[in-house]
Amino acid sequence: MIRLAIAEDHQSLIDGIKLLLEYEDSISIIGTANDGEALLEIVDKKLPNVVLTDIRMPKMDGIEATKQIKKKHPKINVLAFTMFEQIEAIQQMVDAGASGYILKNSSLKEVHQAILTVAKGETYFDANINTNVLNSESNNKTKGVLTKRQIEILELIGQGKTSREIADLLFIGIHTVDTHRKNMVRILGLKGKGELLRYALDKKYKF
């Protein structure tokens, strides 16, 4: 069971996520907050597995809150949930220790997938974000290391499968496949989708 804490200064968004996850057996919302300080209190008292947090909030922003959470509770995975697409904001959250970054214009289904992914210790970046420009210690530490799911997708790419075919085979959304593709390009230090295909073909018999 994923224990989820949510920090968002717009209560309507919190309510929307609650409705989405109301009948989700694998996720339990253990607390919500409208500012960063309240989030820290929830984290200290209830120890969630995943924190979904906005960046701009009253009293303490999501960047500082993430830093403090990761310092005291390094095993808690933080997922940024924001309207900011600027690289500076993304970089600051990644450097603070966030495992993922998803935009508020994403579907609630995509938010759900992001939570599940981050809870497994994997990274999740919105497909509309160019992760190739990110450069941080946290990224460098994981460079070249793919998750089990990413290896599965890479093997299928090497077999010539399209994103749609991969999504159908693995029972995941096509948007999720495309997000994994972007993350793999970043993790492996490649320059684009073409290089990812060549990498997959080169490694086809070496997995």
C-alpha atoms as a PDB file:
ATOM      1  CA  MET A   1       0.000   0.000   0.000  1.00  0.00           C
ATOM      2  CA  ILE A   2       1.379   3.396  -1.038  1.00  0.00           C
ATOM      3  CA  ARG A   3       0.975   5.999   1.698  1.00  0.00           C
ATOM      4  CA  LEU A   4       0.522   9.328  -0.080  1.00  0.00           C
ATOM      5  CA  ALA A   5       0.737  12.864   1.291  1.00  0.00           C
ATOM      6  CA  ILE A   6      -0.390  15.787  -0.868  1.00  0.00           C
ATOM      7  CA  ALA A   7       0.652  19.445  -0.596  1.00  0.00           C
ATOM      8  CA  GLU A   8      -1.230  21.897  -2.799  1.00  0.00           C
ATOM      9  CA  ASP A   9      -2.546  25.375  -2.046  1.00  0.00           C
ATOM     10  CA  HIS A  10      -5.571  24.897  -4.308  1.00  0.00           C
ATOM     11  CA  GLN A  11      -7.991  22.700  -2.395  1.00  0.00           C
ATOM     12  CA  SER A  12      -9.960  21.915  -5.565  1.00  0.00           C
ATOM     13  CA  LEU A  13      -6.949  20.060  -6.991  1.00  0.00           C
ATOM     14  CA  ILE A  14      -6.553  18.067  -3.793  1.00  0.00           C
ATOM     15  CA  ASP A  15     -10.240  17.176  -3.950  1.00  0.00           C
ATOM     16  CA  GLY A  16      -9.854  16.074  -7.573  1.00  0.00           C
ATOM     17  CA  ILE A  17      -6.951  13.768  -6.734  1.00  0.00           C
ATOM     18  CA  LYS A  18      -8.900  12.368  -3.793  1.00  0.00           C
ATOM     19  CA  LEU A  19     -11.788  11.499  -6.105  1.00  0.00           C
ATOM     20  CA  LEU A  20      -9.383   9.860  -8.542  1.00  0.00           C
ATOM     21  CA  LEU A  21      -7.835   7.667  -5.866  1.00  0.00           C
ATOM     22  CA  GLU A  22     -10.951   7.038  -3.786  1.00  0.00           C
ATOM     23  CA  TYR A  23     -11.366   3.470  -5.023  1.00  0.00           C
ATOM     24  CA  GLU A  24      -7.671   2.776  -5.682  1.00  0.00           C
ATOM     25  CA  ASP A  25      -6.683  -0.158  -3.469  1.00  0.00           C
ATOM     26  CA  SER A  26      -2.931   0.389  -3.832  1.00  0.00           C
ATOM     27  CA  ILE A  27      -2.878   4.039  -2.665  1.00  0.00           C
ATOM     28  CA  SER A  28      -4.019   5.561   0.606  1.00  0.00           C
ATOM     29  CA  ILE A  29      -4.006   9.356   1.117  1.00  0.00           C
ATOM     30  CA  ILE A  30      -2.749   9.777   4.674  1.00  0.00           C
ATOM     31  CA  GLY A  31      -2.740  13.569   4.782  1.00  0.00           C
ATOM     32  CA  THR A  32      -3.114  16.789   2.810  1.00  0.00           C
ATOM     33  CA  ALA A  33      -1.657  20.246   3.323  1.00  0.00           C
ATOM     34  CA  ASN A  34      -2.081  23.697   1.793  1.00  0.00           C
ATOM     35  CA  ASP A  35       1.433  24.930   2.629  1.00  0.00           C
ATOM     36  CA  GLY A  36       4.961  23.598   3.024  1.00  0.00           C
ATOM     37  CA  GLU A  37       5.147  23.824   6.799  1.00  0.00           C
ATOM     38  CA  ALA A  38       1.962  21.795   7.226  1.00  0.00           C
ATOM     39  CA  LEU A  39       3.381  19.234   4.789  1.00  0.00           C
ATOM     40  CA  LEU A  40       6.491  18.751   6.927  1.00  0.00           C
ATOM     41  CA  GLU A  41       4.331  18.130   9.982  1.00  0.00           C
ATOM     42  CA  ILE A  42       2.369  15.448   8.135  1.00  0.00           C
ATOM     43  CA  VAL A  43       5.547  13.808   6.868  1.00  0.00           C
ATOM     44  CA  ASP A  44       7.143  13.697  10.326  1.00  0.00           C
ATOM     45  CA  LYS A  45       4.023  12.296  11.981  1.00  0.00           C
ATOM     46  CA  LYS A  46       2.724   9.875   9.365  1.00  0.00           C
ATOM     47  CA  LEU A  47       5.774   8.925   7.248  1.00  0.00           C
ATOM     48  CA  PRO A  48       4.283   8.588   3.756  1.00  0.00           C
ATOM     49  CA  ASN A  49       5.972   6.611   0.982  1.00  0.00           C
ATOM     50  CA  VAL A  50       5.297   9.313  -1.600  1.00  0.00           C
ATOM     51  CA  VAL A  51       4.817  13.066  -1.321  1.00  0.00           C
ATOM     52  CA  LEU A  52       3.018  14.888  -4.144  1.00  0.00           C
ATOM     53  CA  THR A  53       3.811  18.576  -3.788  1.00  0.00           C
ATOM     54  CA  ASP A  54       3.312  21.853  -5.566  1.00  0.00           C
ATOM     55  CA  ILE A  55       6.317  24.175  -5.872  1.00  0.00           C
ATOM     56  CA  ARG A  56       4.812  27.549  -5.073  1.00  0.00           C
ATOM     57  CA  MET A  57       3.008  27.411  -1.722  1.00  0.00           C
ATOM     58  CA  PRO A  58       2.557  29.707   1.299  1.00  0.00           C
ATOM     59  CA  LYS A  59       4.930  29.676   4.309  1.00  0.00           C
ATOM     60  CA  MET A  60       7.408  27.288   2.647  1.00  0.00           C
ATOM     61  CA  ASP A  61       7.731  26.420  -1.034  1.00  0.00           C
ATOM     62  CA  GLY A  62       7.947  22.908  -2.412  1.00  0.00           C
ATOM     63  CA  ILE A  63      11.673  23.155  -3.128  1.00  0.00           C
ATOM     64  CA  GLU A  64      12.623  23.876   0.492  1.00  0.00           C
ATOM     65  CA  ALA A  65      10.074  21.362   1.757  1.00  0.00           C
ATOM     66  CA  THR A  66      11.578  18.689  -0.506  1.00  0.00           C
ATOM     67  CA  LYS A  67      15.098  19.453   0.754  1.00  0.00           C
ATOM     68  CA  GLN A  68      13.997  19.064   4.358  1.00  0.00           C
ATOM     69  CA  ILE A  69      12.002  15.894   3.667  1.00  0.00           C
ATOM     70  CA  LYS A  70      14.913  14.204   1.876  1.00  0.00           C
ATOM     71  CA  LYS A  71      17.351  15.261   4.589  1.00  0.00           C
ATOM     72  CA  LYS A  72      15.269  13.751   7.408  1.00  0.00           C
ATOM     73  CA  HIS A  73      13.584  10.935   5.480  1.00  0.00           C
ATOM     74  CA  PRO A  74      15.754   9.993   2.470  1.00  0.00           C
ATOM     75  CA  LYS A  75      13.604   6.968   1.592  1.00  0.00           C
ATOM     76  CA  ILE A  76      10.481   9.076   0.995  1.00  0.00           C
ATOM     77  CA  ASN A  77       9.983   9.737  -2.727  1.00  0.00           C
ATOM     78  CA  VAL A  78       8.880  13.225  -3.748  1.00  0.00           C
ATOM     79  CA  LEU A  79       6.893  13.996  -6.896  1.00  0.00           C
ATOM     80  CA  ALA A  80       6.576  17.633  -7.996  1.00  0.00           C
ATOM     81  CA  PHE A  81       3.111  18.618  -9.239  1.00  0.00           C
ATOM     82  CA  THR A  82       3.163  22.092 -10.719  1.00  0.00           C
ATOM     83  CA  MET A  83       2.311  24.453 -13.543  1.00  0.00           C
ATOM     84  CA  PHE A  84       5.932  25.597 -13.933  1.00  0.00           C
ATOM     85  CA  GLU A  85       7.637  24.258 -17.062  1.00  0.00           C
ATOM     86  CA  GLN A  86      10.766  26.389 -16.663  1.00  0.00           C
ATOM     87  CA  ILE A  87      13.989  24.388 -16.592  1.00  0.00           C
ATOM     88  CA  GLU A  88      15.188  26.370 -13.576  1.00  0.00           C
ATOM     89  CA  ALA A  89      12.226  25.209 -11.490  1.00  0.00           C
ATOM     90  CA  ILE A  90      12.616  21.597 -12.627  1.00  0.00           C
ATOM     91  CA  GLN A  91      16.341  21.701 -11.929  1.00  0.00           C
ATOM     92  CA  GLN A  92      15.781  23.090  -8.436  1.00  0.00           C
ATOM     93  CA  MET A  93      13.310  20.325  -7.580  1.00  0.00           C
ATOM     94  CA  VAL A  94      15.615  17.619  -8.951  1.00  0.00           C
ATOM     95  CA  ASP A  95      18.550  19.045  -7.015  1.00  0.00           C
ATOM     96  CA  ALA A  96      16.381  19.161  -3.886  1.00  0.00           C
ATOM     97  CA  GLY A  97      15.817  15.419  -4.254  1.00  0.00           C
ATOM     98  CA  ALA A  98      12.556  15.029  -6.172  1.00  0.00           C
ATOM     99  CA  SER A  99      12.160  11.745  -8.051  1.00  0.00           C
ATOM    100  CA  GLY A 100       9.660  13.090 -10.550  1.00  0.00           C
ATOM    101  CA  TYR A 101       8.019  16.132 -12.042  1.00  0.00           C
ATOM    102  CA  ILE A 102       4.547  16.290 -13.553  1.00  0.00           C
ATOM    103  CA  LEU A 103       2.618  19.252 -14.890  1.00  0.00           C
ATOM    104  CA  LYS A 104      -0.821  20.249 -13.657  1.00  0.00           C
ATOM    105  CA  ASN A 105      -2.253  20.159 -17.172  1.00  0.00           C
ATOM    106  CA  SER A 106      -1.665  16.393 -17.212  1.00  0.00           C
ATOM    107  CA  SER A 107      -4.632  14.077 -16.910  1.00  0.00           C
ATOM    108  CA  LEU A 108      -5.462  12.647 -13.494  1.00  0.00           C
ATOM    109  CA  LYS A 109      -4.743   9.237 -14.998  1.00  0.00           C
ATOM    110  CA  GLU A 110      -1.192  10.411 -15.715  1.00  0.00           C
ATOM    111  CA  VAL A 111      -0.847  11.721 -12.161  1.00  0.00           C
ATOM    112  CA  HIS A 112      -1.888   8.277 -10.948  1.00  0.00           C
ATOM    113  CA  GLN A 113       0.764   6.602 -13.118  1.00  0.00           C
ATOM    114  CA  ALA A 114       3.414   9.047 -11.904  1.00  0.00           C
ATOM    115  CA  ILE A 115       2.627   8.246  -8.272  1.00  0.00           C
ATOM    116  CA  LEU A 116       2.868   4.496  -8.909  1.00  0.00           C
ATOM    117  CA  THR A 117       6.175   4.905 -10.757  1.00  0.00           C
ATOM    118  CA  VAL A 118       7.829   7.114  -8.152  1.00  0.00           C
ATOM    119  CA  ALA A 119       6.643   4.810  -5.355  1.00  0.00           C
ATOM    120  CA  LYS A 120       8.720   2.009  -6.903  1.00  0.00           C
ATOM    121  CA  GLY A 121      11.841   4.143  -6.640  1.00  0.00           C
ATOM    122  CA  GLU A 122      11.836   5.030 -10.322  1.00  0.00           C
ATOM    123  CA  THR A 123      11.961   8.509 -11.837  1.00  0.00           C
ATOM    124  CA  TYR A 124       9.026  10.013 -13.697  1.00  0.00           C
ATOM    125  CA  PHE A 125       9.151  13.177 -15.780  1.00  0.00           C
ATOM    126  CA  ASP A 126       6.234  14.609 -17.718  1.00  0.00           C
ATOM    127  CA  ALA A 127       6.633  13.796 -21.422  1.00  0.00           C
ATOM    128  CA  ASN A 128       6.377  17.520 -22.232  1.00  0.00           C
ATOM    129  CA  ILE A 129       9.564  18.228 -20.267  1.00  0.00           C
ATOM    130  CA  ASN A 130      12.930  18.120 -22.028  1.00  0.00           C
ATOM    131  CA  THR A 131      14.965  16.201 -19.464  1.00  0.00           C
ATOM    132  CA  ASN A 132      18.052  16.221 -21.682  1.00  0.00           C
ATOM    133  CA  VAL A 133      18.948  19.703 -20.429  1.00  0.00           C
ATOM    134  CA  LEU A 134      18.897  18.682 -16.776  1.00  0.00           C
ATOM    135  CA  ASN A 135      22.266  18.343 -15.137  1.00  0.00           C
ATOM    136  CA  SER A 136      22.535  17.468 -11.468  1.00  0.00           C
ATOM    137  CA  GLU A 137      24.345  15.191  -9.068  1.00  0.00           C
ATOM    138  CA  SER A 138      21.238  13.073  -8.666  1.00  0.00           C
ATOM    139  CA  ASN A 139      21.043  12.536 -12.430  1.00  0.00           C
ATOM    140  CA  ASN A 140      24.736  11.762 -12.708  1.00  0.00           C
ATOM    141  CA  LYS A 141      24.499   9.151  -9.963  1.00  0.00           C
ATOM    142  CA  THR A 142      21.851   7.224 -11.896  1.00  0.00           C
ATOM    143  CA  LYS A 143      23.334   7.733 -15.347  1.00  0.00           C
ATOM    144  CA  GLY A 144      23.485   4.449 -17.212  1.00  0.00           C
ATOM    145  CA  VAL A 145      21.270   2.590 -14.725  1.00  0.00           C
ATOM    146  CA  LEU A 146      17.868   1.609 -16.081  1.00  0.00           C
ATOM    147  CA  THR A 147      14.925   0.315 -14.082  1.00  0.00           C
ATOM    148  CA  LYS A 148      13.402  -3.104 -14.735  1.00  0.00           C
ATOM    149  CA  ARG A 149      10.487  -1.507 -16.598  1.00  0.00           C
ATOM    150  CA  GLN A 150      12.816   0.588 -18.750  1.00  0.00           C
ATOM    151  CA  ILE A 151      14.830  -2.508 -19.689  1.00  0.00           C
ATOM    152  CA  GLU A 152      11.581  -4.237 -20.721  1.00  0.00           C
ATOM    153  CA  ILE A 153      10.697  -1.267 -22.924  1.00  0.00           C
ATOM    154  CA  LEU A 154      14.210  -1.089 -24.359  1.00  0.00           C
ATOM    155  CA  GLU A 155      14.067  -4.769 -25.324  1.00  0.00           C
ATOM    156  CA  LEU A 156      10.770  -4.167 -27.146  1.00  0.00           C
ATOM    157  CA  ILE A 157      12.230  -1.113 -28.891  1.00  0.00           C
ATOM    158  CA  GLY A 158      15.056  -3.371 -30.063  1.00  0.00           C
ATOM    159  CA  GLN A 159      12.405  -5.720 -31.498  1.00  0.00           C
ATOM    160  CA  GLY A 160      11.063  -2.844 -33.587  1.00  0.00           C
ATOM    161  CA  LYS A 161       7.898  -2.294 -31.549  1.00  0.00           C
ATOM    162  CA  THR A 162       6.183   1.093 -31.678  1.00  0.00           C
ATOM    163  CA  SER A 163       5.175   2.995 -28.549  1.00  0.00           C
ATOM    164  CA  ARG A 164       1.562   1.929 -29.112  1.00  0.00           C
ATOM    165  CA  GLU A 165       2.531  -1.738 -29.442  1.00  0.00           C
ATOM    166  CA  ILE A 166       4.715  -1.513 -26.320  1.00  0.00           C
ATOM    167  CA  ALA A 167       1.896   0.130 -24.378  1.00  0.00           C
ATOM    168  CA  ASP A 168      -0.509  -2.653 -25.382  1.00  0.00           C
ATOM    169  CA  LEU A 169       1.971  -5.416 -24.543  1.00  0.00           C
ATOM    170  CA  LEU A 170       2.817  -4.006 -21.104  1.00  0.00           C
ATOM    171  CA  PHE A 171      -0.722  -2.788 -20.310  1.00  0.00           C
ATOM    172  CA  ILE A 172       0.402   0.798 -19.750  1.00  0.00           C
ATOM    173  CA  GLY A 173      -0.462   4.118 -21.402  1.00  0.00           C
ATOM    174  CA  ILE A 174       1.311   5.276 -24.556  1.00  0.00           C
ATOM    175  CA  HIS A 175       2.134   8.533 -22.742  1.00  0.00           C
ATOM    176  CA  THR A 176       3.911   6.470 -20.073  1.00  0.00           C
ATOM    177  CA  VAL A 177       5.961   4.667 -22.724  1.00  0.00           C
ATOM    178  CA  ASP A 178       6.989   7.975 -24.286  1.00  0.00           C
ATOM    179  CA  THR A 179       7.955   9.300 -20.849  1.00  0.00           C
ATOM    180  CA  HIS A 180      10.136   6.234 -20.246  1.00  0.00           C
ATOM    181  CA  ARG A 181      11.742   6.765 -23.663  1.00  0.00           C
ATOM    182  CA  LYS A 182      12.689  10.334 -22.744  1.00  0.00           C
ATOM    183  CA  ASN A 183      13.994   9.265 -19.359  1.00  0.00           C
ATOM    184  CA  MET A 184      16.116   6.510 -20.936  1.00  0.00           C
ATOM    185  CA  VAL A 185      17.633   8.967 -23.406  1.00  0.00           C
ATOM    186  CA  ARG A 186      18.628  11.172 -20.458  1.00  0.00           C
ATOM    187  CA  ILE A 187      19.869   8.335 -18.221  1.00  0.00           C
ATOM    188  CA  LEU A 188      21.961   6.750 -20.973  1.00  0.00           C
ATOM    189  CA  GLY A 189      23.391  10.092 -22.101  1.00  0.00           C
ATOM    190  CA  LEU A 190      21.977   9.755 -25.618  1.00  0.00           C
ATOM    191  CA  LYS A 191      20.926  12.566 -27.931  1.00  0.00           C
ATOM    192  CA  GLY A 192      17.507  11.456 -29.148  1.00  0.00           C
ATOM    193  CA  LYS A 193      15.068   8.717 -30.116  1.00  0.00           C
ATOM    194  CA  GLY A 194      17.220   7.597 -33.036  1.00  0.00           C
ATOM    195  CA  GLU A 195      20.165   6.918 -30.742  1.00  0.00           C
ATOM    196  CA  LEU A 196      17.873   5.055 -28.339  1.00  0.00           C
ATOM    197  CA  LEU A 197      16.847   2.679 -31.137  1.00  0.00           C
ATOM    198  CA  ARG A 198      20.466   2.133 -32.135  1.00  0.00           C
ATOM    199  CA  TYR A 199      21.383   1.512 -28.501  1.00  0.00           C
ATOM    200  CA  ALA A 200      18.527  -0.997 -28.161  1.00  0.00           C
ATOM    201  CA  LEU A 201      19.614  -2.837 -31.325  1.00  0.00           C
ATOM    202  CA  ASP A 202      23.228  -2.905 -30.161  1.00  0.00           C
ATOM    203  CA  LYS A 203      22.210  -4.349 -26.773  1.00  0.00           C
ATOM    204  CA  LYS A 204      19.584  -6.705 -28.204  1.00  0.00           C
ATOM    205  CA  TYR A 205      21.462  -9.874 -27.333  1.00  0.00           C
ATOM    206  CA  LYS A 206      23.247  -8.508 -24.282  1.00  0.00           C
ATOM    207  CA  PHE A 207      20.393  -7.926 -21.785  1.00  0.00           C
END
